[in-house]
């Protein structure tokens, strides 16, 4: 393979990873900062939004293996973090 193509591929991959880290940090920081300033602190205020954003970056193949063995929510329960 052409070394220039390898270099461009590595640079693109590095840029995507850096963008993911910066976006994730900015998202969580912007979401949690008001909780740090206000009282009382809400521990899981951003957890559901963070799970939604992380689904954009992480493949859903990790969740399919779990989904086959157990349901996402137990019957009668509204949500895990409520």
PDB file of N, CA and C in Angstrom:
ATOM      1  N   UNK A   1       0.841  -1.180   0.000  1.00  0.00           N
ATOM      2  CA  UNK A   1       0.000   0.000   0.000  1.00  0.00           C
ATOM      3  C   UNK A   1       0.888   1.246   0.000  1.00  0.00           C
ATOM      4  N   UNK A   2       0.405   2.266  -0.628  1.00  0.00           N
ATOM      5  CA  UNK A   2       1.133   3.518  -0.735  1.00  0.00           C
ATOM      6  C   UNK A   2       1.330   4.134   0.660  1.00  0.00           C
ATOM      7  N   UNK A   3       2.562   4.509   1.012  1.00  0.00           N
ATOM      8  CA  UNK A   3       2.796   5.103   2.337  1.00  0.00           C
ATOM      9  C   UNK A   3       2.011   6.394   2.567  1.00  0.00           C
ATOM     10  N   UNK A   4       1.775   7.139   1.500  1.00  0.00           N
ATOM     11  CA  UNK A   4       1.008   8.374   1.656  1.00  0.00           C
ATOM     12  C   UNK A   4      -0.442   8.076   2.045  1.00  0.00           C
ATOM     13  N   UNK A   5      -1.008   7.023   1.458  1.00  0.00           N
ATOM     14  CA  UNK A   5      -2.372   6.637   1.822  1.00  0.00           C
ATOM     15  C   UNK A   5      -2.448   6.157   3.267  1.00  0.00           C
ATOM     16  N   UNK A   6      -1.420   5.432   3.696  1.00  0.00           N
ATOM     17  CA  UNK A   6      -1.376   5.000   5.100  1.00  0.00           C
ATOM     18  C   UNK A   6      -1.296   6.203   6.032  1.00  0.00           C
ATOM     19  N   UNK A   7      -0.490   7.171   5.667  1.00  0.00           N
ATOM     20  CA  UNK A   7      -0.350   8.371   6.486  1.00  0.00           C
ATOM     21  C   UNK A   7      -1.661   9.147   6.546  1.00  0.00           C
ATOM     22  N   UNK A   8      -2.333   9.271   5.414  1.00  0.00           N
ATOM     23  CA  UNK A   8      -3.616   9.974   5.395  1.00  0.00           C
ATOM     24  C   UNK A   8      -4.669   9.219   6.203  1.00  0.00           C
ATOM     25  N   UNK A   9      -4.661   7.908   6.109  1.00  0.00           N
ATOM     26  CA  UNK A   9      -5.597   7.102   6.892  1.00  0.00           C
ATOM     27  C   UNK A   9      -5.354   7.233   8.379  1.00  0.00           C
ATOM     28  N   UNK A  10      -4.078   7.226   8.768  1.00  0.00           N
ATOM     29  CA  UNK A  10      -3.749   7.387  10.185  1.00  0.00           C
ATOM     30  C   UNK A  10      -4.117   8.776  10.678  1.00  0.00           C
ATOM     31  N   UNK A  11      -3.890   9.790   9.855  1.00  0.00           N
ATOM     32  CA  UNK A  11      -4.240  11.157  10.253  1.00  0.00           C
ATOM     33  C   UNK A  11      -5.751  11.314  10.391  1.00  0.00           C
ATOM     34  N   UNK A  12      -6.499  10.705   9.486  1.00  0.00           N
ATOM     35  CA  UNK A  12      -7.962  10.785   9.568  1.00  0.00           C
ATOM     36  C   UNK A  12      -8.473  10.063  10.807  1.00  0.00           C
ATOM     37  N   UNK A  13      -7.917   8.901  11.086  1.00  0.00           N
ATOM     38  CA  UNK A  13      -8.323   8.152  12.275  1.00  0.00           C
ATOM     39  C   UNK A  13      -7.981   8.921  13.546  1.00  0.00           C
ATOM     40  N   UNK A  14      -6.806   9.517  13.568  1.00  0.00           N
ATOM     41  CA  UNK A  14      -6.392  10.320  14.720  1.00  0.00           C
ATOM     42  C   UNK A  14      -7.308  11.523  14.889  1.00  0.00           C
ATOM     43  N   UNK A  15      -7.681  12.157  13.797  1.00  0.00           N
ATOM     44  CA  UNK A  15      -8.581  13.307  13.877  1.00  0.00           C
ATOM     45  C   UNK A  15      -9.952  12.929  14.408  1.00  0.00           C
ATOM     46  N   UNK A  16     -10.473  11.780  13.965  1.00  0.00           N
ATOM     47  CA  UNK A  16     -11.772  11.329  14.463  1.00  0.00           C
ATOM     48  C   UNK A  16     -11.717  10.999  15.949  1.00  0.00           C
ATOM     49  N   UNK A  17     -10.654  10.330  16.369  1.00  0.00           N
ATOM     50  CA  UNK A  17     -10.521   9.983  17.784  1.00  0.00           C
ATOM     51  C   UNK A  17     -10.376  11.231  18.646  1.00  0.00           C
ATOM     52  N   UNK A  18      -9.574  12.175  18.184  1.00  0.00           N
ATOM     53  CA  UNK A  18      -9.412  13.428  18.928  1.00  0.00           C
ATOM     54  C   UNK A  18     -10.730  14.187  18.990  1.00  0.00           C
ATOM     55  N   UNK A  19     -11.448  14.227  17.888  1.00  0.00           N
ATOM     56  CA  UNK A  19     -12.749  14.889  17.884  1.00  0.00           C
ATOM     57  C   UNK A  19     -13.731  14.234  18.834  1.00  0.00           C
ATOM     58  N   UNK A  20     -13.699  12.907  18.899  1.00  0.00           N
ATOM     59  CA  UNK A  20     -14.582  12.192  19.816  1.00  0.00           C
ATOM     60  C   UNK A  20     -14.258  12.542  21.263  1.00  0.00           C
ATOM     61  N   UNK A  21     -12.981  12.581  21.593  1.00  0.00           N
ATOM     62  CA  UNK A  21     -12.583  12.891  22.968  1.00  0.00           C
ATOM     63  C   UNK A  21     -12.961  14.318  23.327  1.00  0.00           C
ATOM     64  N   UNK A  22     -12.700  15.256  22.426  1.00  0.00           N
ATOM     65  CA  UNK A  22     -13.026  16.662  22.697  1.00  0.00           C
ATOM     66  C   UNK A  22     -14.535  16.845  22.827  1.00  0.00           C
ATOM     67  N   UNK A  23     -15.297  16.247  21.921  1.00  0.00           N
ATOM     68  CA  UNK A  23     -16.751  16.384  21.971  1.00  0.00           C
ATOM     69  C   UNK A  23     -17.319  15.754  23.239  1.00  0.00           C
ATOM     70  N   UNK A  24     -16.831  14.574  23.591  1.00  0.00           N
ATOM     71  CA  UNK A  24     -17.323  13.900  24.791  1.00  0.00           C
ATOM     72  C   UNK A  24     -17.015  14.708  26.041  1.00  0.00           C
ATOM     73  N   UNK A  25     -15.800  15.224  26.132  1.00  0.00           N
ATOM     74  CA  UNK A  25     -15.423  16.030  27.292  1.00  0.00           C
ATOM     75  C   UNK A  25     -16.242  17.306  27.363  1.00  0.00           C
ATOM     76  N   UNK A  26     -16.440  17.961  26.235  1.00  0.00           N
ATOM     77  CA  UNK A  26     -17.231  19.192  26.224  1.00  0.00           C
ATOM     78  C   UNK A  26     -18.683  18.915  26.571  1.00  0.00           C
ATOM     79  N   UNK A  27     -19.228  17.815  26.077  1.00  0.00           N
ATOM     80  CA  UNK A  27     -20.626  17.493  26.357  1.00  0.00           C
ATOM     81  C   UNK A  27     -20.839  17.222  27.837  1.00  0.00           C
ATOM     82  N   UNK A  28     -20.001  16.373  28.406  1.00  0.00           N
ATOM     83  CA  UNK A  28     -20.151  16.046  29.824  1.00  0.00           C
ATOM     84  C   UNK A  28     -19.843  17.264  30.684  1.00  0.00           C
ATOM     85  N   UNK A  29     -18.834  18.048  30.309  1.00  0.00           N
ATOM     86  CA  UNK A  29     -18.513  19.248  31.078  1.00  0.00           C
ATOM     87  C   UNK A  29     -19.636  20.257  31.068  1.00  0.00           C
ATOM     88  N   UNK A  30     -20.236  20.472  29.914  1.00  0.00           N
ATOM     89  CA  UNK A  30     -21.336  21.435  29.825  1.00  0.00           C
ATOM     90  C   UNK A  30     -22.567  20.935  30.559  1.00  0.00           C
ATOM     91  N   UNK A  31     -22.712  19.643  30.634  1.00  0.00           N
ATOM     92  CA  UNK A  31     -23.879  19.079  31.301  1.00  0.00           C
ATOM     93  C   UNK A  31     -23.683  19.039  32.814  1.00  0.00           C
ATOM     94  N   UNK A  32     -22.490  18.731  33.267  1.00  0.00           N
ATOM     95  CA  UNK A  32     -22.252  18.573  34.697  1.00  0.00           C
ATOM     96  C   UNK A  32     -21.902  19.877  35.403  1.00  0.00           C
ATOM     97  N   UNK A  33     -21.420  20.861  34.683  1.00  0.00           N
ATOM     98  CA  UNK A  33     -21.011  22.108  35.334  1.00  0.00           C
ATOM     99  C   UNK A  33     -22.137  22.762  36.128  1.00  0.00           C
ATOM    100  N   UNK A  34     -23.354  22.867  35.593  1.00  0.00           N
ATOM    101  CA  UNK A  34     -24.429  23.430  36.421  1.00  0.00           C
ATOM    102  C   UNK A  34     -24.714  22.610  37.676  1.00  0.00           C
ATOM    103  N   UNK A  35     -24.514  21.295  37.606  1.00  0.00           N
ATOM    104  CA  UNK A  35     -24.731  20.465  38.791  1.00  0.00           C
ATOM    105  C   UNK A  35     -23.671  20.732  39.850  1.00  0.00           C
ATOM    106  N   UNK A  36     -22.465  21.055  39.437  1.00  0.00           N
ATOM    107  CA  UNK A  36     -21.416  21.347  40.406  1.00  0.00           C
ATOM    108  C   UNK A  36     -21.637  22.696  41.074  1.00  0.00           C
ATOM    109  N   UNK A  37     -22.234  23.628  40.342  1.00  0.00           N
ATOM    110  CA  UNK A  37     -22.462  24.962  40.894  1.00  0.00           C
ATOM    111  C   UNK A  37     -23.677  24.967  41.810  1.00  0.00           C
ATOM    112  N   UNK A  38     -24.751  24.308  41.389  1.00  0.00           N
ATOM    113  CA  UNK A  38     -25.988  24.320  42.159  1.00  0.00           C
ATOM    114  C   UNK A  38     -25.962  23.244  43.239  1.00  0.00           C
ATOM    115  N   UNK A  39     -26.803  23.438  44.243  1.00  0.00           N
ATOM    116  CA  UNK A  39     -26.953  22.428  45.290  1.00  0.00           C
ATOM    117  C   UNK A  39     -28.427  22.070  45.384  1.00  0.00           C
ATOM    118  N   UNK A  40     -28.784  20.875  45.676  1.00  0.00           N
ATOM    119  CA  UNK A  40     -27.952  19.694  45.873  1.00  0.00           C
ATOM    120  C   UNK A  40     -27.517  19.091  44.538  1.00  0.00           C
ATOM    121  N   UNK A  41     -26.438  18.397  44.551  1.00  0.00           N
ATOM    122  CA  UNK A  41     -25.889  17.817  43.331  1.00  0.00           C
ATOM    123  C   UNK A  41     -26.740  16.629  42.885  1.00  0.00           C
ATOM    124  N   UNK A  42     -27.015  16.584  41.604  1.00  0.00           N
ATOM    125  CA  UNK A  42     -27.726  15.452  41.022  1.00  0.00           C
ATOM    126  C   UNK A  42     -26.689  14.532  40.392  1.00  0.00           C
ATOM    127  N   UNK A  43     -26.582  13.343  40.926  1.00  0.00           N
ATOM    128  CA  UNK A  43     -25.502  12.456  40.511  1.00  0.00           C
ATOM    129  C   UNK A  43     -25.697  11.959  39.082  1.00  0.00           C
ATOM    130  N   UNK A  44     -26.910  11.548  38.741  1.00  0.00           N
ATOM    131  CA  UNK A  44     -27.147  10.942  37.430  1.00  0.00           C
ATOM    132  C   UNK A  44     -27.851  11.885  36.472  1.00  0.00           C
ATOM    133  N   UNK A  45     -27.643  13.177  36.620  1.00  0.00           N
ATOM    134  CA  UNK A  45     -28.367  14.140  35.793  1.00  0.00           C
ATOM    135  C   UNK A  45     -28.037  13.993  34.315  1.00  0.00           C
ATOM    136  N   UNK A  46     -26.823  13.604  33.984  1.00  0.00           N
ATOM    137  CA  UNK A  46     -26.406  13.548  32.585  1.00  0.00           C
ATOM    138  C   UNK A  46     -26.237  12.130  32.070  1.00  0.00           C
ATOM    139  N   UNK A  47     -26.526  11.152  32.888  1.00  0.00           N
ATOM    140  CA  UNK A  47     -26.204   9.782  32.502  1.00  0.00           C
ATOM    141  C   UNK A  47     -26.980   9.331  31.274  1.00  0.00           C
ATOM    142  N   UNK A  48     -28.271   9.630  31.216  1.00  0.00           N
ATOM    143  CA  UNK A  48     -29.057   9.195  30.068  1.00  0.00           C
ATOM    144  C   UNK A  48     -28.618   9.910  28.796  1.00  0.00           C
ATOM    145  N   UNK A  49     -28.320  11.206  28.892  1.00  0.00           N
ATOM    146  CA  UNK A  49     -27.841  11.927  27.706  1.00  0.00           C
ATOM    147  C   UNK A  49     -26.475  11.421  27.285  1.00  0.00           C
ATOM    148  N   UNK A  50     -25.622  11.096  28.256  1.00  0.00           N
ATOM    149  CA  UNK A  50     -24.300  10.593  27.931  1.00  0.00           C
ATOM    150  C   UNK A  50     -24.395   9.241  27.227  1.00  0.00           C
ATOM    151  N   UNK A  51     -25.328   8.398  27.647  1.00  0.00           N
ATOM    152  CA  UNK A  51     -25.493   7.106  26.991  1.00  0.00           C
ATOM    153  C   UNK A  51     -25.953   7.296  25.552  1.00  0.00           C
ATOM    154  N   UNK A  52     -26.782   8.287  25.318  1.00  0.00           N
ATOM    155  CA  UNK A  52     -27.241   8.570  23.957  1.00  0.00           C
ATOM    156  C   UNK A  52     -26.088   9.045  23.086  1.00  0.00           C
ATOM    157  N   UNK A  53     -25.260   9.939  23.614  1.00  0.00           N
ATOM    158  CA  UNK A  53     -24.127  10.451  22.841  1.00  0.00           C
ATOM    159  C   UNK A  53     -23.091   9.357  22.611  1.00  0.00           C
ATOM    160  N   UNK A  54     -22.844   8.531  23.622  1.00  0.00           N
ATOM    161  CA  UNK A  54     -21.849   7.476  23.438  1.00  0.00           C
ATOM    162  C   UNK A  54     -22.309   6.459  22.403  1.00  0.00           C
ATOM    163  N   UNK A  55     -23.624   6.323  22.208  1.00  0.00           N
ATOM    164  CA  UNK A  55     -24.121   5.407  21.181  1.00  0.00           C
ATOM    165  C   UNK A  55     -23.741   5.881  19.782  1.00  0.00           C
ATOM    166  N   UNK A  56     -23.453   7.166  19.623  1.00  0.00           N
ATOM    167  CA  UNK A  56     -23.024   7.673  18.326  1.00  0.00           C
ATOM    168  C   UNK A  56     -21.619   7.201  17.971  1.00  0.00           C
ATOM    169  N   UNK A  57     -20.792   6.952  18.989  1.00  0.00           N
ATOM    170  CA  UNK A  57     -19.388   6.649  18.749  1.00  0.00           C
ATOM    171  C   UNK A  57     -19.047   5.175  18.895  1.00  0.00           C
ATOM    172  N   UNK A  58     -19.753   4.466  19.770  1.00  0.00           N
ATOM    173  CA  UNK A  58     -19.409   3.077  20.022  1.00  0.00           C
ATOM    174  C   UNK A  58     -20.352   2.173  19.237  1.00  0.00           C
ATOM    175  N   UNK A  59     -19.832   1.133  18.606  1.00  0.00           N
ATOM    176  CA  UNK A  59     -20.697   0.254  17.817  1.00  0.00           C
ATOM    177  C   UNK A  59     -21.694  -0.478  18.703  1.00  0.00           C
ATOM    178  N   UNK A  60     -22.852  -0.758  18.140  1.00  0.00           N
ATOM    179  CA  UNK A  60     -23.899  -1.403  18.921  1.00  0.00           C
ATOM    180  C   UNK A  60     -23.719  -2.911  18.986  1.00  0.00           C
ATOM    181  N   UNK A  61     -22.669  -3.438  18.412  1.00  0.00           N
ATOM    182  CA  UNK A  61     -22.429  -4.872  18.473  1.00  0.00           C
ATOM    183  C   UNK A  61     -22.201  -5.372  19.877  1.00  0.00           C
ATOM    184  N   UNK A  62     -21.686  -4.518  20.757  1.00  0.00           N
ATOM    185  CA  UNK A  62     -21.478  -4.918  22.142  1.00  0.00           C
ATOM    186  C   UNK A  62     -22.815  -5.164  22.833  1.00  0.00           C
ATOM    187  N   UNK A  63     -23.840  -4.432  22.449  1.00  0.00           N
ATOM    188  CA  UNK A  63     -25.125  -4.542  23.119  1.00  0.00           C
ATOM    189  C   UNK A  63     -25.961  -5.691  22.567  1.00  0.00           C
ATOM    190  N   UNK A  64     -25.691  -6.146  21.363  1.00  0.00           N
ATOM    191  CA  UNK A  64     -26.520  -7.201  20.784  1.00  0.00           C
ATOM    192  C   UNK A  64     -26.299  -8.530  21.486  1.00  0.00           C
ATOM    193  N   UNK A  65     -25.073  -8.802  21.923  1.00  0.00           N
ATOM    194  CA  UNK A  65     -24.822 -10.057  22.626  1.00  0.00           C
ATOM    195  C   UNK A  65     -25.557 -10.075  23.964  1.00  0.00           C
ATOM    196  N   UNK A  66     -25.607  -8.953  24.634  1.00  0.00           N
ATOM    197  CA  UNK A  66     -26.312  -8.877  25.909  1.00  0.00           C
ATOM    198  C   UNK A  66     -27.819  -8.944  25.677  1.00  0.00           C
ATOM    199  N   UNK A  67     -28.294  -8.297  24.623  1.00  0.00           N
ATOM    200  CA  UNK A  67     -29.719  -8.257  24.352  1.00  0.00           C
ATOM    201  C   UNK A  67     -30.323  -9.619  24.059  1.00  0.00           C
ATOM    202  N   UNK A  68     -29.521 -10.546  23.578  1.00  0.00           N
ATOM    203  CA  UNK A  68     -30.042 -11.879  23.282  1.00  0.00           C
ATOM    204  C   UNK A  68     -30.222 -12.708  24.546  1.00  0.00           C
ATOM    205  N   UNK A  69     -29.439 -12.433  25.573  1.00  0.00           N
ATOM    206  CA  UNK A  69     -29.493 -13.257  26.772  1.00  0.00           C
ATOM    207  C   UNK A  69     -30.431 -12.702  27.832  1.00  0.00           C
ATOM    208  N   UNK A  70     -30.624 -11.405  27.877  1.00  0.00           N
ATOM    209  CA  UNK A  70     -31.497 -10.821  28.893  1.00  0.00           C
ATOM    210  C   UNK A  70     -32.196  -9.600  28.315  1.00  0.00           C
ATOM    211  N   UNK A  71     -33.406  -9.309  28.791  1.00  0.00           N
ATOM    212  CA  UNK A  71     -34.113  -8.128  28.284  1.00  0.00           C
ATOM    213  C   UNK A  71     -33.457  -6.846  28.772  1.00  0.00           C
ATOM    214  N   UNK A  72     -33.680  -5.775  28.033  1.00  0.00           N
ATOM    215  CA  UNK A  72     -33.090  -4.490  28.411  1.00  0.00           C
ATOM    216  C   UNK A  72     -33.653  -4.002  29.736  1.00  0.00           C
ATOM    217  N   UNK A  73     -34.945  -4.176  29.944  1.00  0.00           N
ATOM    218  CA  UNK A  73     -35.583  -3.773  31.194  1.00  0.00           C
ATOM    219  C   UNK A  73     -36.396  -4.934  31.738  1.00  0.00           C
ATOM    220  N   UNK A  74     -36.390  -5.068  33.035  1.00  0.00           N
ATOM    221  CA  UNK A  74     -37.218  -6.094  33.654  1.00  0.00           C
ATOM    222  C   UNK A  74     -38.683  -5.696  33.529  1.00  0.00           C
ATOM    223  N   UNK A  75     -39.584  -6.646  33.445  1.00  0.00           N
ATOM    224  CA  UNK A  75     -41.007  -6.304  33.340  1.00  0.00           C
ATOM    225  C   UNK A  75     -41.470  -5.485  34.545  1.00  0.00           C
ATOM    226  N   UNK A  76     -42.205  -4.423  34.259  1.00  0.00           N
ATOM    227  CA  UNK A  76     -42.721  -3.580  35.331  1.00  0.00           C
ATOM    228  C   UNK A  76     -41.795  -2.466  35.763  1.00  0.00           C
ATOM    229  N   UNK A  77     -40.595  -2.392  35.205  1.00  0.00           N
ATOM    230  CA  UNK A  77     -39.655  -1.337  35.594  1.00  0.00           C
ATOM    231  C   UNK A  77     -39.617  -0.289  34.511  1.00  0.00           C
ATOM    232  N   UNK A  78     -39.560   0.969  34.921  1.00  0.00           N
ATOM    233  CA  UNK A  78     -39.550   2.059  33.945  1.00  0.00           C
ATOM    234  C   UNK A  78     -38.167   2.284  33.373  1.00  0.00           C
ATOM    235  N   UNK A  79     -37.141   2.175  34.179  1.00  0.00           N
ATOM    236  CA  UNK A  79     -35.785   2.423  33.717  1.00  0.00           C
ATOM    237  C   UNK A  79     -34.787   2.030  34.779  1.00  0.00           C
ATOM    238  N   UNK A  80     -33.557   1.853  34.358  1.00  0.00           N
ATOM    239  CA  UNK A  80     -32.530   1.393  35.275  1.00  0.00           C
ATOM    240  C   UNK A  80     -32.095   2.503  36.216  1.00  0.00           C
ATOM    241  N   UNK A  81     -32.031   3.734  35.749  1.00  0.00           N
ATOM    242  CA  UNK A  81     -31.438   4.812  36.522  1.00  0.00           C
ATOM    243  C   UNK A  81     -32.471   5.724  37.168  1.00  0.00           C
ATOM    244  N   UNK A  82     -33.701   5.330  37.239  1.00  0.00           N
ATOM    245  CA  UNK A  82     -34.738   6.180  37.844  1.00  0.00           C
ATOM    246  C   UNK A  82     -35.031   5.748  39.253  1.00  0.00           C
TER     247      UNK A  82
END
